Amino acid sequence: PDHKKLTFIDPDTLTVTGEKKIKLKIYSISYNESRNQYIVGISGTYDFAILDSKFKVVKKYKGTDTGYLRQGKDCDDNYIDFAQSGGSGNVIVVYNWSGKHIDTIKVDKSMEIENIFHIKNNVFITLHYFGNYVHRIGINDKTQLKYKVKFHPNGGEGEMKNITVK
């Protein structure tokens, strides 16, 4: 219930090994080992922050207001993913580590999405409907991101309009 306190649990014994107060009020946290940083969702907002290995704020970012309920989150070396649910369905909101909104991906599941996590290239979501279910979504679901392509003549003549591709 204390959104400013992290509790550390021994995975073998499931006993509390320590606690740490932090400055932000958070609703979720994920760790990226290669960056040695944490991503936290800031309670009551769509905003998020990067924390260093000592849980100090490195940078805060303004999140995209989707109108959905903020649930769990995950991160890998390239992306930060927020699972969100609402009356009209579920989405995964994707950002890069610079805080840029990459895409909002619709998840076609009628149950409420609770969390998201990955193991290698497999992305999993947990769903709640009178019990909890784990569902694997293909990596293609996550990589269908849109990119704007700009063309440069590199000294040549002519012009091409920008295009958007998946």
C-alpha atoms as a PDB file:
ATOM      1  CA  PRO A   1       0.000   0.000   0.000  1.00  0.00           C
ATOM      2  CA  ASP A   2       3.003   2.364   0.359  1.00  0.00           C
ATOM      3  CA  HIS A   3       3.732   3.400  -3.221  1.00  0.00           C
ATOM      4  CA  LYS A   4       7.015   5.055  -2.184  1.00  0.00           C
ATOM      5  CA  LYS A   5       8.529   1.940  -0.623  1.00  0.00           C
ATOM      6  CA  LEU A   6      10.223  -0.978  -2.365  1.00  0.00           C
ATOM      7  CA  THR A   7      10.306  -4.296  -0.538  1.00  0.00           C
ATOM      8  CA  PHE A   8      12.995  -6.843  -1.406  1.00  0.00           C
ATOM      9  CA  ILE A   9      12.149 -10.542  -1.217  1.00  0.00           C
ATOM     10  CA  ASP A  10      14.513 -13.531  -1.198  1.00  0.00           C
ATOM     11  CA  PRO A  11      13.331 -15.690  -4.142  1.00  0.00           C
ATOM     12  CA  ASP A  12      14.213 -18.966  -2.404  1.00  0.00           C
ATOM     13  CA  THR A  13      12.614 -18.352   0.993  1.00  0.00           C
ATOM     14  CA  LEU A  14      10.093 -15.633   0.039  1.00  0.00           C
ATOM     15  CA  THR A  15      11.129 -13.691   3.132  1.00  0.00           C
ATOM     16  CA  VAL A  16      11.596  -9.924   3.233  1.00  0.00           C
ATOM     17  CA  THR A  17      15.293  -9.039   3.069  1.00  0.00           C
ATOM     18  CA  GLY A  18      15.023  -5.261   3.057  1.00  0.00           C
ATOM     19  CA  GLU A  19      13.121  -2.123   2.154  1.00  0.00           C
ATOM     20  CA  LYS A  20      13.991   1.110   0.387  1.00  0.00           C
ATOM     21  CA  LYS A  21      12.114   4.418   0.354  1.00  0.00           C
ATOM     22  CA  ILE A  22      12.107   6.235  -2.978  1.00  0.00           C
ATOM     23  CA  LYS A  23      11.061   9.772  -3.911  1.00  0.00           C
ATOM     24  CA  LEU A  24       8.434   8.834  -6.498  1.00  0.00           C
ATOM     25  CA  LYS A  25       5.023   7.325  -5.878  1.00  0.00           C
ATOM     26  CA  ILE A  26       4.956   4.350  -8.268  1.00  0.00           C
ATOM     27  CA  TYR A  27       2.568   1.626  -9.409  1.00  0.00           C
ATOM     28  CA  SER A  28       5.000  -0.675 -11.243  1.00  0.00           C
ATOM     29  CA  ILE A  29       8.715  -1.317 -11.682  1.00  0.00           C
ATOM     30  CA  SER A  30      10.892  -3.244 -14.148  1.00  0.00           C
ATOM     31  CA  TYR A  31      14.642  -3.767 -14.298  1.00  0.00           C
ATOM     32  CA  ASN A  32      16.903  -3.874 -17.358  1.00  0.00           C
ATOM     33  CA  GLU A  33      20.089  -5.772 -16.573  1.00  0.00           C
ATOM     34  CA  SER A  34      22.187  -4.583 -19.531  1.00  0.00           C
ATOM     35  CA  ARG A  35      21.414  -0.921 -18.733  1.00  0.00           C
ATOM     36  CA  ASN A  36      21.485  -1.521 -14.955  1.00  0.00           C
ATOM     37  CA  GLN A  37      18.443   0.746 -14.683  1.00  0.00           C
ATOM     38  CA  TYR A  38      14.842   0.542 -13.550  1.00  0.00           C
ATOM     39  CA  ILE A  39      11.711   1.842 -15.246  1.00  0.00           C
ATOM     40  CA  VAL A  40       8.845   2.907 -12.982  1.00  0.00           C
ATOM     41  CA  GLY A  41       5.289   3.949 -13.746  1.00  0.00           C
ATOM     42  CA  ILE A  42       4.383   7.046 -11.715  1.00  0.00           C
ATOM     43  CA  SER A  43       1.116   6.565  -9.791  1.00  0.00           C
ATOM     44  CA  GLY A  44      -1.917   8.604 -10.814  1.00  0.00           C
ATOM     45  CA  THR A  45      -0.378   9.505 -14.196  1.00  0.00           C
ATOM     46  CA  TYR A  46       0.690   7.999 -17.512  1.00  0.00           C
ATOM     47  CA  ASP A  47       4.201   9.318 -16.824  1.00  0.00           C
ATOM     48  CA  PHE A  48       7.240   7.182 -16.136  1.00  0.00           C
ATOM     49  CA  ALA A  49      10.833   7.534 -14.982  1.00  0.00           C
ATOM     50  CA  ILE A  50      14.199   5.868 -15.349  1.00  0.00           C
ATOM     51  CA  LEU A  51      15.993   5.140 -12.071  1.00  0.00           C
ATOM     52  CA  ASP A  52      19.650   4.215 -11.646  1.00  0.00           C
ATOM     53  CA  SER A  53      20.829   1.113  -9.774  1.00  0.00           C
ATOM     54  CA  LYS A  54      20.524   2.992  -6.457  1.00  0.00           C
ATOM     55  CA  PHE A  55      16.893   3.968  -7.271  1.00  0.00           C
ATOM     56  CA  LYS A  56      17.711   7.643  -7.909  1.00  0.00           C
ATOM     57  CA  VAL A  57      15.748   9.387 -10.689  1.00  0.00           C
ATOM     58  CA  VAL A  58      17.773   9.705 -13.905  1.00  0.00           C
ATOM     59  CA  LYS A  59      14.991  11.174 -16.056  1.00  0.00           C
ATOM     60  CA  LYS A  60      11.196  11.577 -15.990  1.00  0.00           C
ATOM     61  CA  TYR A  61       9.041  11.327 -19.112  1.00  0.00           C
ATOM     62  CA  LYS A  62       5.516  12.427 -19.966  1.00  0.00           C
ATOM     63  CA  GLY A  63       3.413   9.418 -20.949  1.00  0.00           C
ATOM     64  CA  THR A  64       0.651   9.254 -23.546  1.00  0.00           C
ATOM     65  CA  ASP A  65      -2.836   9.582 -22.031  1.00  0.00           C
ATOM     66  CA  THR A  66      -4.777   6.671 -23.525  1.00  0.00           C
ATOM     67  CA  GLY A  67      -7.722   6.830 -21.139  1.00  0.00           C
ATOM     68  CA  TYR A  68      -7.037   3.217 -20.198  1.00  0.00           C
ATOM     69  CA  LEU A  69      -6.293   1.904 -16.703  1.00  0.00           C
ATOM     70  CA  ARG A  70      -2.549   1.676 -16.089  1.00  0.00           C
ATOM     71  CA  GLN A  71      -1.497  -1.859 -15.214  1.00  0.00           C
ATOM     72  CA  GLY A  72       1.929  -3.530 -15.321  1.00  0.00           C
ATOM     73  CA  LYS A  73       4.974  -2.869 -17.442  1.00  0.00           C
ATOM     74  CA  ASP A  74       8.084  -4.446 -18.895  1.00  0.00           C
ATOM     75  CA  CYS A  75      11.271  -3.360 -20.618  1.00  0.00           C
ATOM     76  CA  ASP A  76      13.978  -4.846 -22.784  1.00  0.00           C
ATOM     77  CA  ASP A  77      17.119  -3.305 -24.286  1.00  0.00           C
ATOM     78  CA  ASN A  78      15.113  -1.328 -26.863  1.00  0.00           C
ATOM     79  CA  TYR A  79      11.582  -0.750 -25.603  1.00  0.00           C
ATOM     80  CA  ILE A  80       9.518   0.072 -22.549  1.00  0.00           C
ATOM     81  CA  ASP A  81       6.037  -1.491 -22.621  1.00  0.00           C
ATOM     82  CA  PHE A  82       3.021  -0.490 -20.532  1.00  0.00           C
ATOM     83  CA  ALA A  83       0.028  -2.840 -20.355  1.00  0.00           C
ATOM     84  CA  GLN A  84      -3.258  -0.958 -20.051  1.00  0.00           C
ATOM     85  CA  SER A  85      -6.902  -2.000 -19.963  1.00  0.00           C
ATOM     86  CA  GLY A  86     -10.256  -0.324 -20.160  1.00  0.00           C
ATOM     87  CA  GLY A  87     -13.900  -0.650 -21.095  1.00  0.00           C
ATOM     88  CA  SER A  88     -13.048  -0.792 -24.781  1.00  0.00           C
ATOM     89  CA  GLY A  89     -10.279  -3.387 -24.529  1.00  0.00           C
ATOM     90  CA  ASN A  90      -6.562  -3.632 -23.909  1.00  0.00           C
ATOM     91  CA  VAL A  91      -3.477  -1.931 -25.295  1.00  0.00           C
ATOM     92  CA  ILE A  92       0.289  -2.066 -24.950  1.00  0.00           C
ATOM     93  CA  VAL A  93       1.868   1.387 -25.089  1.00  0.00           C
ATOM     94  CA  VAL A  94       5.443   1.247 -26.378  1.00  0.00           C
ATOM     95  CA  TYR A  95       8.201   3.829 -25.789  1.00  0.00           C
ATOM     96  CA  ASN A  96      11.905   3.830 -26.511  1.00  0.00           C
ATOM     97  CA  TRP A  97      14.475   4.526 -23.787  1.00  0.00           C
ATOM     98  CA  SER A  98      14.556   8.196 -24.802  1.00  0.00           C
ATOM     99  CA  GLY A  99      10.898   8.491 -23.770  1.00  0.00           C
ATOM    100  CA  LYS A 100       9.567   8.717 -27.334  1.00  0.00           C
ATOM    101  CA  HIS A 101       6.119   7.159 -27.847  1.00  0.00           C
ATOM    102  CA  ILE A 102       6.613   4.490 -30.529  1.00  0.00           C
ATOM    103  CA  ASP A 103       3.157   2.924 -30.847  1.00  0.00           C
ATOM    104  CA  THR A 104      -0.029   1.913 -29.056  1.00  0.00           C
ATOM    105  CA  ILE A 105      -0.795  -1.699 -29.931  1.00  0.00           C
ATOM    106  CA  LYS A 106      -4.357  -3.019 -29.577  1.00  0.00           C
ATOM    107  CA  VAL A 107      -4.515  -6.420 -27.852  1.00  0.00           C
ATOM    108  CA  ASP A 108      -7.547  -8.389 -29.020  1.00  0.00           C
ATOM    109  CA  LYS A 109      -8.389 -10.167 -25.787  1.00  0.00           C
ATOM    110  CA  SER A 110     -11.684  -9.667 -23.962  1.00  0.00           C
ATOM    111  CA  MET A 111     -10.197 -10.326 -20.507  1.00  0.00           C
ATOM    112  CA  GLU A 112      -8.554  -7.523 -18.541  1.00  0.00           C
ATOM    113  CA  ILE A 113      -4.811  -7.312 -19.150  1.00  0.00           C
ATOM    114  CA  GLU A 114      -2.910  -7.125 -15.859  1.00  0.00           C
ATOM    115  CA  ASN A 115       0.775  -7.327 -16.703  1.00  0.00           C
ATOM    116  CA  ILE A 116       3.337  -7.868 -19.428  1.00  0.00           C
ATOM    117  CA  PHE A 117       6.721  -9.593 -19.436  1.00  0.00           C
ATOM    118  CA  HIS A 118       9.143 -11.125 -21.904  1.00  0.00           C
ATOM    119  CA  ILE A 119      11.415 -14.152 -22.062  1.00  0.00           C
ATOM    120  CA  LYS A 120      13.886 -13.798 -24.947  1.00  0.00           C
ATOM    121  CA  ASN A 121      11.770 -12.897 -28.016  1.00  0.00           C
ATOM    122  CA  ASN A 122       8.480 -14.075 -26.535  1.00  0.00           C
ATOM    123  CA  VAL A 123       6.135 -11.503 -25.034  1.00  0.00           C
ATOM    124  CA  PHE A 124       3.578 -12.677 -22.476  1.00  0.00           C
ATOM    125  CA  ILE A 125       0.582 -10.921 -20.971  1.00  0.00           C
ATOM    126  CA  THR A 126      -1.382 -11.954 -17.921  1.00  0.00           C
ATOM    127  CA  LEU A 127      -5.141 -11.686 -18.220  1.00  0.00           C
ATOM    128  CA  HIS A 128      -7.766 -11.638 -15.478  1.00  0.00           C
ATOM    129  CA  TYR A 129     -11.280 -12.982 -15.735  1.00  0.00           C
ATOM    130  CA  PHE A 130     -12.411 -14.910 -12.648  1.00  0.00           C
ATOM    131  CA  GLY A 131      -8.860 -16.236 -12.400  1.00  0.00           C
ATOM    132  CA  ASN A 132      -5.552 -15.366 -14.011  1.00  0.00           C
ATOM    133  CA  TYR A 133      -4.337 -16.580 -17.384  1.00  0.00           C
ATOM    134  CA  VAL A 134      -0.984 -16.180 -19.119  1.00  0.00           C
ATOM    135  CA  HIS A 135      -1.092 -15.656 -22.874  1.00  0.00           C
ATOM    136  CA  ARG A 136       1.887 -15.500 -25.251  1.00  0.00           C
ATOM    137  CA  ILE A 137       1.700 -12.888 -27.966  1.00  0.00           C
ATOM    138  CA  GLY A 138       4.054 -13.266 -30.895  1.00  0.00           C
ATOM    139  CA  ILE A 139       7.041 -10.984 -31.221  1.00  0.00           C
ATOM    140  CA  ASN A 140       5.443  -9.783 -34.474  1.00  0.00           C
ATOM    141  CA  ASP A 141       2.662  -8.238 -32.379  1.00  0.00           C
ATOM    142  CA  LYS A 142       5.317  -6.103 -30.691  1.00  0.00           C
ATOM    143  CA  THR A 143       7.406  -5.335 -33.768  1.00  0.00           C
ATOM    144  CA  GLN A 144       4.575  -4.000 -35.922  1.00  0.00           C
ATOM    145  CA  LEU A 145       5.797  -0.508 -35.171  1.00  0.00           C
ATOM    146  CA  LYS A 146       5.381   2.381 -37.579  1.00  0.00           C
ATOM    147  CA  TYR A 147       8.382   4.301 -38.872  1.00  0.00           C
ATOM    148  CA  LYS A 148       8.490   7.465 -40.938  1.00  0.00           C
ATOM    149  CA  VAL A 149      10.948   7.124 -43.837  1.00  0.00           C
ATOM    150  CA  LYS A 150      12.487  10.307 -45.222  1.00  0.00           C
ATOM    151  CA  PHE A 151      14.302  10.323 -48.551  1.00  0.00           C
ATOM    152  CA  HIS A 152      17.387  12.444 -49.165  1.00  0.00           C
ATOM    153  CA  PRO A 153      18.766  12.951 -52.720  1.00  0.00           C
ATOM    154  CA  ASN A 154      22.418  12.886 -51.537  1.00  0.00           C
ATOM    155  CA  GLY A 155      23.427  15.460 -54.134  1.00  0.00           C
ATOM    156  CA  GLY A 156      20.985  14.217 -56.756  1.00  0.00           C
ATOM    157  CA  GLU A 157      17.878  15.933 -58.070  1.00  0.00           C
ATOM    158  CA  GLY A 158      14.239  15.310 -57.333  1.00  0.00           C
ATOM    159  CA  GLU A 159      12.054  14.862 -54.350  1.00  0.00           C
ATOM    160  CA  MET A 160      10.078  12.046 -52.736  1.00  0.00           C
ATOM    161  CA  LYS A 161       7.441  12.456 -50.081  1.00  0.00           C
ATOM    162  CA  ASN A 162       7.952  10.839 -46.667  1.00  0.00           C
ATOM    163  CA  ILE A 163       6.239   7.484 -46.246  1.00  0.00           C
ATOM    164  CA  THR A 164       5.162   5.517 -43.167  1.00  0.00           C
ATOM    165  CA  VAL A 165       5.977   1.789 -43.049  1.00  0.00           C
ATOM    166  CA  LYS A 166       5.539  -1.018 -40.501  1.00  0.00           C
END
